[in-house]
Amino acid sequence: MNVPRVIAQRESKPHKGLRIGAPRNERARQSRQVICCSRPLLGLPKHGRNAKIRAGSEFIRRISAMFIFSLRTVVLAVAVSASSLSSAAPLSEQSELLCSPEGLMRLIPQFNVNGQFTIPNPNTDLQTFLSAQQGLSNAIDMILARENISQDPSNVGSLPSRPLIFASNWLSSEVGIETDGTNLTSPESGGKFGGYRVQSFLNGLTPVPLSQGSMYVIKQSNPTYPALVYPMPTSHPCVNRLVLAAGDTTGLWPTPTYALGRYQLDNNGLPMRDKPLSTYLIVNICLDLGKPAVINQESVLRPNAMIILALHWPCEGSVCADNGIGHQH
């Protein structure tokens, strides 16, 4: 009869920590407390205090890693955004040749005279001048076409507006002819077909104050503002298309008319590609279909056709000494 009692006692062996002599209600309450509080913390190993410390360290490590990853992601995103705003797609080696007079001499050998960048003289060598002017226009067209095909339109479209910077004083070499329908004459000084290192009609070019450098006006004494010039950026950072609107005639620049810019250099002579470029050469065709006249004390435009092929470049100081005045609008 004792055996079942012993077995029952073993089967009902109280949980460690319960007071055996306590009343039944007290033992039940203690049992519930032990069962409640003996559950391990979620996510922590069941190995006591050290395990909790290790788990806490692991939690902090994971949080730190997540923070560092997020920070790196933000920094990378900002860097990519800044890069997209400050620079266009990398140019090919041949495209880069447009970005300096030295490179242009390699692309168009007619500009290379004994290792110096030189504008051909149309009065002494008309064919070389025409070859240089026409060859440069066609070469720019071809390079722009390649850049337009190779680049992503979305990237080009998201670039900030960064037109070239233009100087105030200009010289030009040009050839041209005009007619009023009856007479055939030359717009150049002395009746020559060409003008070499003559004062360009672009003299006085200055930014329009309201435009923040996006448009230019030719400012002279009389008339005060004879023409406007708009440089239009392209997919090539060193090339701008140019639009001209003359205020006293119907003069304009049809395509192909381009301005070429050069990079600013840092102290080590390396190009700063995130800085605005300065114009070093303009190649253009000028078309005019009217000439101002005064009839019965009224200003009118009379029919007059003129075509000019020209190369313009900026000058400073004594270098601006010219050989007369070129064609005027």
C-alpha atoms as a PDB file:
ATOM      1  CA  MET A   1       0.000   0.000   0.000  1.00  0.00           C
ATOM      2  CA  ASN A   2       2.997   2.299   0.447  1.00  0.00           C
ATOM      3  CA  VAL A   3       4.240   1.955  -3.087  1.00  0.00           C
ATOM      4  CA  PRO A   4       1.542   4.022  -4.760  1.00  0.00           C
ATOM      5  CA  ARG A   5       2.024   6.710  -2.135  1.00  0.00           C
ATOM      6  CA  VAL A   6       5.761   6.956  -2.899  1.00  0.00           C
ATOM      7  CA  ILE A   7       5.134   7.079  -6.591  1.00  0.00           C
ATOM      8  CA  ALA A   8       2.520   9.747  -6.105  1.00  0.00           C
ATOM      9  CA  GLN A   9       4.911  11.768  -4.067  1.00  0.00           C
ATOM     10  CA  ARG A  10       7.549  11.514  -6.780  1.00  0.00           C
ATOM     11  CA  GLU A  11       5.075  12.460  -9.463  1.00  0.00           C
ATOM     12  CA  SER A  12       3.908  15.416  -7.443  1.00  0.00           C
ATOM     13  CA  LYS A  13       7.389  16.537  -6.414  1.00  0.00           C
ATOM     14  CA  PRO A  14       7.090  20.256  -5.822  1.00  0.00           C
ATOM     15  CA  HIS A  15       8.925  22.757  -8.026  1.00  0.00           C
ATOM     16  CA  LYS A  16      12.190  24.036  -6.640  1.00  0.00           C
ATOM     17  CA  GLY A  17      11.560  27.163  -4.644  1.00  0.00           C
ATOM     18  CA  LEU A  18       8.090  26.256  -3.361  1.00  0.00           C
ATOM     19  CA  ARG A  19       7.613  26.000   0.388  1.00  0.00           C
ATOM     20  CA  ILE A  20       6.393  22.473   1.090  1.00  0.00           C
ATOM     21  CA  GLY A  21       4.709  23.354   4.274  1.00  0.00           C
ATOM     22  CA  ALA A  22       2.715  26.219   2.855  1.00  0.00           C
ATOM     23  CA  PRO A  23      -1.023  25.932   2.404  1.00  0.00           C
ATOM     24  CA  ARG A  24      -2.342  24.709  -0.898  1.00  0.00           C
ATOM     25  CA  ASN A  25      -3.469  28.201  -2.035  1.00  0.00           C
ATOM     26  CA  GLU A  26      -0.047  29.655  -1.145  1.00  0.00           C
ATOM     27  CA  ARG A  27       1.770  26.888  -3.046  1.00  0.00           C
ATOM     28  CA  ALA A  28      -0.403  27.509  -6.123  1.00  0.00           C
ATOM     29  CA  ARG A  29       0.354  31.237  -5.990  1.00  0.00           C
ATOM     30  CA  GLN A  30       4.107  30.594  -5.715  1.00  0.00           C
ATOM     31  CA  SER A  31       3.937  28.058  -8.530  1.00  0.00           C
ATOM     32  CA  ARG A  32       2.299  30.642 -10.790  1.00  0.00           C
ATOM     33  CA  GLN A  33       4.971  33.222  -9.918  1.00  0.00           C
ATOM     34  CA  VAL A  34       7.813  30.801 -10.660  1.00  0.00           C
ATOM     35  CA  ILE A  35       6.276  29.709 -13.925  1.00  0.00           C
ATOM     36  CA  CYS A  36       5.657  33.338 -14.922  1.00  0.00           C
ATOM     37  CA  CYS A  37       9.050  34.720 -14.084  1.00  0.00           C
ATOM     38  CA  SER A  38      11.161  31.793 -15.207  1.00  0.00           C
ATOM     39  CA  ARG A  39      10.442  32.428 -18.907  1.00  0.00           C
ATOM     40  CA  PRO A  40      13.572  33.626 -20.783  1.00  0.00           C
ATOM     41  CA  LEU A  41      13.587  37.101 -22.390  1.00  0.00           C
ATOM     42  CA  LEU A  42      12.662  36.952 -26.039  1.00  0.00           C
ATOM     43  CA  GLY A  43      15.739  36.897 -28.308  1.00  0.00           C
ATOM     44  CA  LEU A  44      18.203  36.155 -25.478  1.00  0.00           C
ATOM     45  CA  PRO A  45      20.040  32.827 -25.036  1.00  0.00           C
ATOM     46  CA  LYS A  46      19.105  30.771 -22.003  1.00  0.00           C
ATOM     47  CA  HIS A  47      22.487  31.001 -20.338  1.00  0.00           C
ATOM     48  CA  GLY A  48      22.115  33.488 -17.536  1.00  0.00           C
ATOM     49  CA  ARG A  49      23.494  36.952 -16.975  1.00  0.00           C
ATOM     50  CA  ASN A  50      26.542  36.649 -19.270  1.00  0.00           C
ATOM     51  CA  ALA A  51      24.325  35.564 -22.114  1.00  0.00           C
ATOM     52  CA  LYS A  52      22.168  38.648 -21.580  1.00  0.00           C
ATOM     53  CA  ILE A  53      25.262  40.858 -21.711  1.00  0.00           C
ATOM     54  CA  ARG A  54      26.427  39.153 -24.910  1.00  0.00           C
ATOM     55  CA  ALA A  55      22.982  39.520 -26.443  1.00  0.00           C
ATOM     56  CA  GLY A  56      22.936  43.203 -25.525  1.00  0.00           C
ATOM     57  CA  SER A  57      26.321  43.699 -27.178  1.00  0.00           C
ATOM     58  CA  GLU A  58      25.113  41.879 -30.273  1.00  0.00           C
ATOM     59  CA  PHE A  59      22.033  44.131 -30.423  1.00  0.00           C
ATOM     60  CA  ILE A  60      24.174  47.279 -30.187  1.00  0.00           C
ATOM     61  CA  ARG A  61      26.539  45.935 -32.853  1.00  0.00           C
ATOM     62  CA  ARG A  62      23.660  45.294 -35.264  1.00  0.00           C
ATOM     63  CA  ILE A  63      22.137  48.730 -34.673  1.00  0.00           C
ATOM     64  CA  SER A  64      25.540  50.376 -35.282  1.00  0.00           C
ATOM     65  CA  ALA A  65      26.020  48.402 -38.496  1.00  0.00           C
ATOM     66  CA  MET A  66      22.583  49.453 -39.726  1.00  0.00           C
ATOM     67  CA  PHE A  67      23.331  53.111 -38.940  1.00  0.00           C
ATOM     68  CA  ILE A  68      26.689  53.002 -40.743  1.00  0.00           C
ATOM     69  CA  PHE A  69      25.077  51.340 -43.778  1.00  0.00           C
ATOM     70  CA  SER A  70      22.356  54.003 -43.878  1.00  0.00           C
ATOM     71  CA  LEU A  71      24.932  56.781 -43.548  1.00  0.00           C
ATOM     72  CA  ARG A  72      27.029  55.336 -46.373  1.00  0.00           C
ATOM     73  CA  THR A  73      23.921  55.102 -48.547  1.00  0.00           C
ATOM     74  CA  VAL A  74      23.068  58.764 -47.922  1.00  0.00           C
ATOM     75  CA  VAL A  75      26.661  59.893 -48.609  1.00  0.00           C
ATOM     76  CA  LEU A  76      26.754  57.868 -51.832  1.00  0.00           C
ATOM     77  CA  ALA A  77      23.430  59.301 -52.972  1.00  0.00           C
ATOM     78  CA  VAL A  78      24.611  62.870 -52.297  1.00  0.00           C
ATOM     79  CA  ALA A  79      27.886  62.212 -54.121  1.00  0.00           C
ATOM     80  CA  VAL A  80      26.112  60.792 -57.165  1.00  0.00           C
ATOM     81  CA  SER A  81      23.692  63.728 -57.188  1.00  0.00           C
ATOM     82  CA  ALA A  82      26.507  66.276 -56.906  1.00  0.00           C
ATOM     83  CA  SER A  83      28.446  64.516 -59.660  1.00  0.00           C
ATOM     84  CA  SER A  84      25.445  64.556 -61.994  1.00  0.00           C
ATOM     85  CA  LEU A  85      24.999  68.282 -61.405  1.00  0.00           C
ATOM     86  CA  SER A  86      28.615  69.271 -61.871  1.00  0.00           C
ATOM     87  CA  SER A  87      29.796  67.256 -64.830  1.00  0.00           C
ATOM     88  CA  ALA A  88      28.551  65.683 -68.051  1.00  0.00           C
ATOM     89  CA  ALA A  89      29.404  62.243 -69.342  1.00  0.00           C
ATOM     90  CA  PRO A  90      33.109  61.583 -70.064  1.00  0.00           C
ATOM     91  CA  LEU A  91      34.184  62.727 -73.518  1.00  0.00           C
ATOM     92  CA  SER A  92      36.042  60.670 -76.057  1.00  0.00           C
ATOM     93  CA  GLU A  93      39.646  61.585 -76.806  1.00  0.00           C
ATOM     94  CA  GLN A  94      38.662  63.172 -80.102  1.00  0.00           C
ATOM     95  CA  SER A  95      35.825  65.137 -78.491  1.00  0.00           C
ATOM     96  CA  GLU A  96      38.250  66.559 -75.933  1.00  0.00           C
ATOM     97  CA  LEU A  97      40.247  68.144 -78.771  1.00  0.00           C
ATOM     98  CA  LEU A  98      37.580  70.842 -79.085  1.00  0.00           C
ATOM     99  CA  CYS A  99      38.251  72.001 -75.522  1.00  0.00           C
ATOM    100  CA  SER A 100      41.495  73.937 -76.152  1.00  0.00           C
ATOM    101  CA  PRO A 101      43.398  75.670 -78.954  1.00  0.00           C
ATOM    102  CA  GLU A 102      46.151  73.071 -78.561  1.00  0.00           C
ATOM    103  CA  GLY A 103      43.685  70.263 -79.133  1.00  0.00           C
ATOM    104  CA  LEU A 104      42.053  72.089 -82.027  1.00  0.00           C
ATOM    105  CA  MET A 105      45.425  72.283 -83.800  1.00  0.00           C
ATOM    106  CA  ARG A 106      45.553  68.476 -83.744  1.00  0.00           C
ATOM    107  CA  LEU A 107      41.987  68.159 -85.004  1.00  0.00           C
ATOM    108  CA  ILE A 108      42.230  70.863 -87.690  1.00  0.00           C
ATOM    109  CA  PRO A 109      45.877  71.168 -88.850  1.00  0.00           C
ATOM    110  CA  GLN A 110      45.130  74.393 -90.762  1.00  0.00           C
ATOM    111  CA  PHE A 111      45.243  76.216 -87.388  1.00  0.00           C
ATOM    112  CA  ASN A 112      48.775  74.943 -86.659  1.00  0.00           C
ATOM    113  CA  VAL A 113      51.540  77.237 -87.886  1.00  0.00           C
ATOM    114  CA  ASN A 114      54.936  76.230 -86.528  1.00  0.00           C
ATOM    115  CA  GLY A 115      53.320  74.836 -83.381  1.00  0.00           C
ATOM    116  CA  GLN A 116      51.311  78.006 -82.713  1.00  0.00           C
ATOM    117  CA  PHE A 117      47.528  78.323 -82.868  1.00  0.00           C
ATOM    118  CA  THR A 118      46.999  80.735 -85.771  1.00  0.00           C
ATOM    119  CA  ILE A 119      43.902  81.931 -87.618  1.00  0.00           C
ATOM    120  CA  PRO A 120      44.514  81.774 -91.388  1.00  0.00           C
ATOM    121  CA  ASN A 121      44.633  85.034 -93.320  1.00  0.00           C
ATOM    122  CA  PRO A 122      41.929  85.017 -96.027  1.00  0.00           C
ATOM    123  CA  ASN A 123      43.636  87.835 -97.915  1.00  0.00           C
ATOM    124  CA  THR A 124      46.868  85.924 -98.427  1.00  0.00           C
ATOM    125  CA  ASP A 125      45.610  82.312 -98.399  1.00  0.00           C
ATOM    126  CA  LEU A 126      41.875  82.162 -99.064  1.00  0.00           C
ATOM    127  CA  GLN A 127      41.743  78.400 -99.573  1.00  0.00           C
ATOM    128  CA  THR A 128      43.387  77.645 -96.233  1.00  0.00           C
ATOM    129  CA  PHE A 129      41.001  80.017 -94.478  1.00  0.00           C
ATOM    130  CA  LEU A 130      37.950  78.447 -96.121  1.00  0.00           C
ATOM    131  CA  SER A 131      39.240  74.957 -95.409  1.00  0.00           C
ATOM    132  CA  ALA A 132      39.747  75.803 -91.719  1.00  0.00           C
ATOM    133  CA  GLN A 133      36.397  77.562 -91.308  1.00  0.00           C
ATOM    134  CA  GLN A 134      34.370  74.930 -93.141  1.00  0.00           C
ATOM    135  CA  GLY A 135      36.362  71.990 -91.766  1.00  0.00           C
ATOM    136  CA  LEU A 136      35.882  73.144 -88.180  1.00  0.00           C
ATOM    137  CA  SER A 137      32.135  73.604 -88.678  1.00  0.00           C
ATOM    138  CA  ASN A 138      31.781  70.105 -90.136  1.00  0.00           C
ATOM    139  CA  ALA A 139      34.014  68.522 -87.485  1.00  0.00           C
ATOM    140  CA  ILE A 140      31.909  70.055 -84.684  1.00  0.00           C
ATOM    141  CA  ASP A 141      28.741  68.755 -86.366  1.00  0.00           C
ATOM    142  CA  MET A 142      30.179  65.219 -86.514  1.00  0.00           C
ATOM    143  CA  ILE A 143      31.457  65.226 -82.930  1.00  0.00           C
ATOM    144  CA  LEU A 144      28.138  66.552 -81.607  1.00  0.00           C
ATOM    145  CA  ALA A 145      26.287  63.844 -83.534  1.00  0.00           C
ATOM    146  CA  ARG A 146      28.446  61.152 -81.892  1.00  0.00           C
ATOM    147  CA  GLU A 147      27.962  62.649 -78.448  1.00  0.00           C
ATOM    148  CA  ASN A 148      24.202  62.858 -78.979  1.00  0.00           C
ATOM    149  CA  ILE A 149      24.047  59.175 -79.914  1.00  0.00           C
ATOM    150  CA  SER A 150      26.358  57.899 -77.163  1.00  0.00           C
ATOM    151  CA  GLN A 151      24.922  59.833 -74.212  1.00  0.00           C
ATOM    152  CA  ASP A 152      21.775  59.158 -72.189  1.00  0.00           C
ATOM    153  CA  PRO A 153      19.128  61.816 -72.990  1.00  0.00           C
ATOM    154  CA  SER A 154      17.932  61.743 -69.381  1.00  0.00           C
ATOM    155  CA  ASN A 155      21.437  62.550 -68.098  1.00  0.00           C
ATOM    156  CA  VAL A 156      21.897  65.354 -70.630  1.00  0.00           C
ATOM    157  CA  GLY A 157      18.464  66.729 -69.803  1.00  0.00           C
ATOM    158  CA  SER A 158      19.203  66.810 -66.067  1.00  0.00           C
ATOM    159  CA  LEU A 159      22.442  68.815 -66.369  1.00  0.00           C
ATOM    160  CA  PRO A 160      22.396  72.363 -64.976  1.00  0.00           C
ATOM    161  CA  SER A 161      22.495  75.301 -67.388  1.00  0.00           C
ATOM    162  CA  ARG A 162      26.149  76.200 -67.859  1.00  0.00           C
ATOM    163  CA  PRO A 163      26.708  78.375 -70.941  1.00  0.00           C
ATOM    164  CA  LEU A 164      30.170  79.502 -71.948  1.00  0.00           C
ATOM    165  CA  ILE A 165      31.609  82.778 -70.677  1.00  0.00           C
ATOM    166  CA  PHE A 166      32.305  85.442 -73.317  1.00  0.00           C
ATOM    167  CA  ALA A 167      34.892  88.215 -73.234  1.00  0.00           C
ATOM    168  CA  SER A 168      34.169  91.833 -74.177  1.00  0.00           C
ATOM    169  CA  ASN A 169      36.842  92.494 -76.846  1.00  0.00           C
ATOM    170  CA  TRP A 170      36.993  90.489 -80.090  1.00  0.00           C
ATOM    171  CA  LEU A 171      38.945  90.237 -83.324  1.00  0.00           C
ATOM    172  CA  SER A 172      37.824  88.386 -86.435  1.00  0.00           C
ATOM    173  CA  SER A 173      38.983  87.017 -89.756  1.00  0.00           C
ATOM    174  CA  GLU A 174      36.214  86.844 -92.319  1.00  0.00           C
ATOM    175  CA  VAL A 175      35.122  86.849 -95.916  1.00  0.00           C
ATOM    176  CA  GLY A 176      31.843  88.103 -97.343  1.00  0.00           C
ATOM    177  CA  ILE A 177      29.818  89.606-100.117  1.00  0.00           C
ATOM    178  CA  GLU A 178      26.588  91.634-100.326  1.00  0.00           C
ATOM    179  CA  THR A 179      24.094  92.875-102.890  1.00  0.00           C
ATOM    180  CA  ASP A 180      21.164  95.269-102.924  1.00  0.00           C
ATOM    181  CA  GLY A 181      19.710  93.509-105.937  1.00  0.00           C
ATOM    182  CA  THR A 182      21.553  95.734-108.380  1.00  0.00           C
ATOM    183  CA  ASN A 183      25.133  96.117-107.206  1.00  0.00           C
ATOM    184  CA  LEU A 184      27.560  93.481-105.927  1.00  0.00           C
ATOM    185  CA  THR A 185      29.941  94.832-103.279  1.00  0.00           C
ATOM    186  CA  SER A 186      32.075  93.761-100.330  1.00  0.00           C
ATOM    187  CA  PRO A 187      31.223  94.671 -96.746  1.00  0.00           C
ATOM    188  CA  GLU A 188      34.923  94.581 -95.848  1.00  0.00           C
ATOM    189  CA  SER A 189      37.193  97.612 -95.598  1.00  0.00           C
ATOM    190  CA  GLY A 190      38.762  98.691 -98.891  1.00  0.00           C
ATOM    191  CA  GLY A 191      36.402  96.545-100.914  1.00  0.00           C
ATOM    192  CA  LYS A 192      38.375  93.381-100.192  1.00  0.00           C
ATOM    193  CA  PHE A 193      36.707  89.992-100.132  1.00  0.00           C
ATOM    194  CA  GLY A 194      38.265  89.254 -96.754  1.00  0.00           C
ATOM    195  CA  GLY A 195      39.352  90.941 -93.536  1.00  0.00           C
ATOM    196  CA  TYR A 196      42.168  89.690 -91.299  1.00  0.00           C
ATOM    197  CA  ARG A 197      42.409  90.483 -87.573  1.00  0.00           C
ATOM    198  CA  VAL A 198      39.800  93.194 -88.004  1.00  0.00           C
ATOM    199  CA  GLN A 199      37.752  94.581 -85.131  1.00  0.00           C
ATOM    200  CA  SER A 200      34.784  92.251 -84.739  1.00  0.00           C
ATOM    201  CA  PHE A 201      31.252  93.635 -84.563  1.00  0.00           C
ATOM    202  CA  LEU A 202      31.056  91.579 -81.303  1.00  0.00           C
ATOM    203  CA  ASN A 203      33.154  94.206 -79.517  1.00  0.00           C
ATOM    204  CA  GLY A 204      31.319  95.320 -76.405  1.00  0.00           C
ATOM    205  CA  LEU A 205      29.728  91.920 -75.755  1.00  0.00           C
ATOM    206  CA  THR A 206      28.438  91.872 -72.176  1.00  0.00           C
ATOM    207  CA  PRO A 207      25.986  89.777 -70.146  1.00  0.00           C
ATOM    208  CA  VAL A 208      22.390  90.995 -69.994  1.00  0.00           C
ATOM    209  CA  PRO A 209      21.909  91.954 -66.310  1.00  0.00           C
ATOM    210  CA  LEU A 210      18.520  90.257 -65.943  1.00  0.00           C
ATOM    211  CA  SER A 211      19.660  86.982 -67.525  1.00  0.00           C
ATOM    212  CA  GLN A 212      22.277  85.860 -64.939  1.00  0.00           C
ATOM    213  CA  GLY A 213      24.776  85.264 -67.750  1.00  0.00           C
ATOM    214  CA  SER A 214      22.447  83.244 -69.974  1.00  0.00           C
ATOM    215  CA  MET A 215      22.204  85.980 -72.656  1.00  0.00           C
ATOM    216  CA  TYR A 216      24.541  88.667 -73.969  1.00  0.00           C
ATOM    217  CA  VAL A 217      24.104  92.035 -75.596  1.00  0.00           C
ATOM    218  CA  ILE A 218      26.528  94.005 -77.752  1.00  0.00           C
ATOM    219  CA  LYS A 219      26.892  97.372 -76.024  1.00  0.00           C
ATOM    220  CA  GLN A 220      28.327 100.214 -78.112  1.00  0.00           C
ATOM    221  CA  SER A 221      28.011 103.978 -78.390  1.00  0.00           C
ATOM    222  CA  ASN A 222      25.697 104.289 -81.403  1.00  0.00           C
ATOM    223  CA  PRO A 223      23.432 102.425 -81.520  1.00  0.00           C
ATOM    224  CA  THR A 224      23.627 101.459 -77.868  1.00  0.00           C
ATOM    225  CA  TYR A 225      22.486  97.855 -78.196  1.00  0.00           C
ATOM    226  CA  PRO A 226      22.803  96.737 -81.833  1.00  0.00           C
ATOM    227  CA  ALA A 227      22.404  92.983 -81.256  1.00  0.00           C
ATOM    228  CA  LEU A 228      21.641  90.153 -78.829  1.00  0.00           C
ATOM    229  CA  VAL A 229      23.514  86.842 -78.558  1.00  0.00           C
ATOM    230  CA  TYR A 230      22.230  83.651 -76.943  1.00  0.00           C
ATOM    231  CA  PRO A 231      24.710  80.809 -76.209  1.00  0.00           C
ATOM    232  CA  MET A 232      22.860  77.476 -76.154  1.00  0.00           C
ATOM    233  CA  PRO A 233      24.642  74.630 -74.272  1.00  0.00           C
ATOM    234  CA  THR A 234      24.822  71.245 -76.022  1.00  0.00           C
ATOM    235  CA  SER A 235      25.627  67.660 -75.024  1.00  0.00           C
ATOM    236  CA  HIS A 236      29.313  68.659 -75.338  1.00  0.00           C
ATOM    237  CA  PRO A 237      30.455  70.883 -72.417  1.00  0.00           C
ATOM    238  CA  CYS A 238      32.929  72.763 -74.632  1.00  0.00           C
ATOM    239  CA  VAL A 239      30.461  73.559 -77.421  1.00  0.00           C
ATOM    240  CA  ASN A 240      27.613  76.085 -77.482  1.00  0.00           C
ATOM    241  CA  ARG A 241      25.299  76.816 -80.367  1.00  0.00           C
ATOM    242  CA  LEU A 242      24.897  80.551 -80.951  1.00  0.00           C
ATOM    243  CA  VAL A 243      21.815  82.551 -81.860  1.00  0.00           C
ATOM    244  CA  LEU A 244      22.113  86.172 -82.994  1.00  0.00           C
ATOM    245  CA  ALA A 245      19.349  88.768 -83.296  1.00  0.00           C
ATOM    246  CA  ALA A 246      20.368  92.151 -84.723  1.00  0.00           C
ATOM    247  CA  GLY A 247      18.376  95.155 -83.555  1.00  0.00           C
ATOM    248  CA  ASP A 248      19.062  97.487 -86.464  1.00  0.00           C
ATOM    249  CA  THR A 249      18.989  94.965 -89.346  1.00  0.00           C
ATOM    250  CA  THR A 250      17.604  91.503 -89.994  1.00  0.00           C
ATOM    251  CA  GLY A 251      20.973  89.893 -89.307  1.00  0.00           C
ATOM    252  CA  LEU A 252      21.168  86.407 -87.814  1.00  0.00           C
ATOM    253  CA  TRP A 253      23.503  83.430 -87.495  1.00  0.00           C
ATOM    254  CA  PRO A 254      22.169  80.319 -89.246  1.00  0.00           C
ATOM    255  CA  THR A 255      23.568  76.897 -88.459  1.00  0.00           C
ATOM    256  CA  PRO A 256      26.283  75.824 -88.242  1.00  0.00           C
ATOM    257  CA  THR A 257      27.417  78.521 -85.828  1.00  0.00           C
ATOM    258  CA  TYR A 258      29.291  77.474 -82.703  1.00  0.00           C
ATOM    259  CA  ALA A 259      31.362  78.796 -79.811  1.00  0.00           C
ATOM    260  CA  LEU A 260      34.178  76.691 -78.359  1.00  0.00           C
ATOM    261  CA  GLY A 261      35.210  76.930 -74.702  1.00  0.00           C
ATOM    262  CA  ARG A 262      38.297  75.955 -72.758  1.00  0.00           C
ATOM    263  CA  TYR A 263      38.536  74.660 -69.195  1.00  0.00           C
ATOM    264  CA  GLN A 264      39.925  76.741 -66.374  1.00  0.00           C
ATOM    265  CA  LEU A 265      43.118  75.161 -65.016  1.00  0.00           C
ATOM    266  CA  ASP A 266      44.099  74.535 -61.397  1.00  0.00           C
ATOM    267  CA  ASN A 267      47.560  75.187 -59.916  1.00  0.00           C
ATOM    268  CA  ASN A 268      48.795  71.894 -61.355  1.00  0.00           C
ATOM    269  CA  GLY A 269      47.624  72.733 -64.857  1.00  0.00           C
ATOM    270  CA  LEU A 270      44.728  70.246 -64.721  1.00  0.00           C
ATOM    271  CA  PRO A 271      41.263  71.158 -66.079  1.00  0.00           C
ATOM    272  CA  MET A 272      38.592  72.053 -63.521  1.00  0.00           C
ATOM    273  CA  ARG A 273      35.619  70.390 -65.152  1.00  0.00           C
ATOM    274  CA  ASP A 274      33.111  71.705 -62.626  1.00  0.00           C
ATOM    275  CA  LYS A 275      33.899  75.357 -63.432  1.00  0.00           C
ATOM    276  CA  PRO A 276      32.416  77.486 -66.260  1.00  0.00           C
ATOM    277  CA  LEU A 277      34.387  77.441 -69.513  1.00  0.00           C
ATOM    278  CA  SER A 278      35.711  80.535 -71.292  1.00  0.00           C
ATOM    279  CA  THR A 279      35.101  80.981 -75.021  1.00  0.00           C
ATOM    280  CA  TYR A 280      38.273  80.957 -77.095  1.00  0.00           C
ATOM    281  CA  LEU A 281      36.821  80.756 -80.632  1.00  0.00           C
ATOM    282  CA  ILE A 282      33.585  81.375 -82.539  1.00  0.00           C
ATOM    283  CA  VAL A 283      32.985  79.885 -85.981  1.00  0.00           C
ATOM    284  CA  ASN A 284      29.931  81.289 -87.718  1.00  0.00           C
ATOM    285  CA  ILE A 285      27.950  82.094 -90.804  1.00  0.00           C
ATOM    286  CA  CYS A 286      26.269  85.503 -90.809  1.00  0.00           C
ATOM    287  CA  LEU A 287      23.182  86.143 -92.891  1.00  0.00           C
ATOM    288  CA  ASP A 288      21.610  89.575 -93.338  1.00  0.00           C
ATOM    289  CA  LEU A 289      18.633  90.471 -95.545  1.00  0.00           C
ATOM    290  CA  GLY A 290      18.194  94.159 -94.846  1.00  0.00           C
ATOM    291  CA  LYS A 291      20.108  97.380 -94.349  1.00  0.00           C
ATOM    292  CA  PRO A 292      18.926 100.372 -92.302  1.00  0.00           C
ATOM    293  CA  ALA A 293      18.167 103.553 -94.234  1.00  0.00           C
ATOM    294  CA  VAL A 294      16.405 106.884 -93.676  1.00  0.00           C
ATOM    295  CA  ILE A 295      13.702 107.816 -96.156  1.00  0.00           C
ATOM    296  CA  ASN A 296      11.644 110.976 -95.664  1.00  0.00           C
ATOM    297  CA  GLN A 297      13.122 111.317 -92.192  1.00  0.00           C
ATOM    298  CA  GLU A 298      11.901 107.850 -91.217  1.00  0.00           C
ATOM    299  CA  SER A 299      14.054 104.852 -90.390  1.00  0.00           C
ATOM    300  CA  VAL A 300      13.364 101.907 -92.671  1.00  0.00           C
ATOM    301  CA  LEU A 301      15.012  98.683 -93.782  1.00  0.00           C
ATOM    302  CA  ARG A 302      15.747  98.387 -97.459  1.00  0.00           C
ATOM    303  CA  PRO A 303      16.421  95.027 -99.163  1.00  0.00           C
ATOM    304  CA  ASN A 304      20.044  93.999 -98.963  1.00  0.00           C
ATOM    305  CA  ALA A 305      21.518  90.500 -98.882  1.00  0.00           C
ATOM    306  CA  MET A 306      24.814  89.736 -97.160  1.00  0.00           C
ATOM    307  CA  ILE A 307      26.653  86.488 -96.352  1.00  0.00           C
ATOM    308  CA  ILE A 308      29.726  86.386 -94.091  1.00  0.00           C
ATOM    309  CA  LEU A 309      31.929  83.430 -93.112  1.00  0.00           C
ATOM    310  CA  ALA A 310      33.957  84.283 -90.016  1.00  0.00           C
ATOM    311  CA  LEU A 311      36.164  83.168 -87.147  1.00  0.00           C
ATOM    312  CA  HIS A 312      36.117  85.360 -84.001  1.00  0.00           C
ATOM    313  CA  TRP A 313      38.433  85.164 -80.986  1.00  0.00           C
ATOM    314  CA  PRO A 314      38.798  87.223 -77.785  1.00  0.00           C
ATOM    315  CA  CYS A 315      41.713  89.544 -77.144  1.00  0.00           C
ATOM    316  CA  GLU A 316      43.169  91.686 -74.363  1.00  0.00           C
ATOM    317  CA  GLY A 317      45.425  94.736 -74.221  1.00  0.00           C
ATOM    318  CA  SER A 318      47.894  95.300 -77.025  1.00  0.00           C
ATOM    319  CA  VAL A 319      46.909  92.008 -78.655  1.00  0.00           C
ATOM    320  CA  CYS A 320      43.680  93.732 -79.671  1.00  0.00           C
ATOM    321  CA  ALA A 321      45.512  95.950 -82.183  1.00  0.00           C
ATOM    322  CA  ASP A 322      43.437  95.439 -85.316  1.00  0.00           C
ATOM    323  CA  ASN A 323      43.665  95.987 -89.033  1.00  0.00           C
ATOM    324  CA  GLY A 324      40.539  98.071 -89.352  1.00  0.00           C
ATOM    325  CA  ILE A 325      36.884  97.327 -88.728  1.00  0.00           C
ATOM    326  CA  GLY A 326      35.126  94.208 -89.961  1.00  0.00           C
ATOM    327  CA  HIS A 327      31.583  93.952 -91.287  1.00  0.00           C
ATOM    328  CA  GLN A 328      28.934  95.639 -89.167  1.00  0.00           C
ATOM    329  CA  HIS A 329      25.246  94.963 -88.633  1.00  0.00           C
END
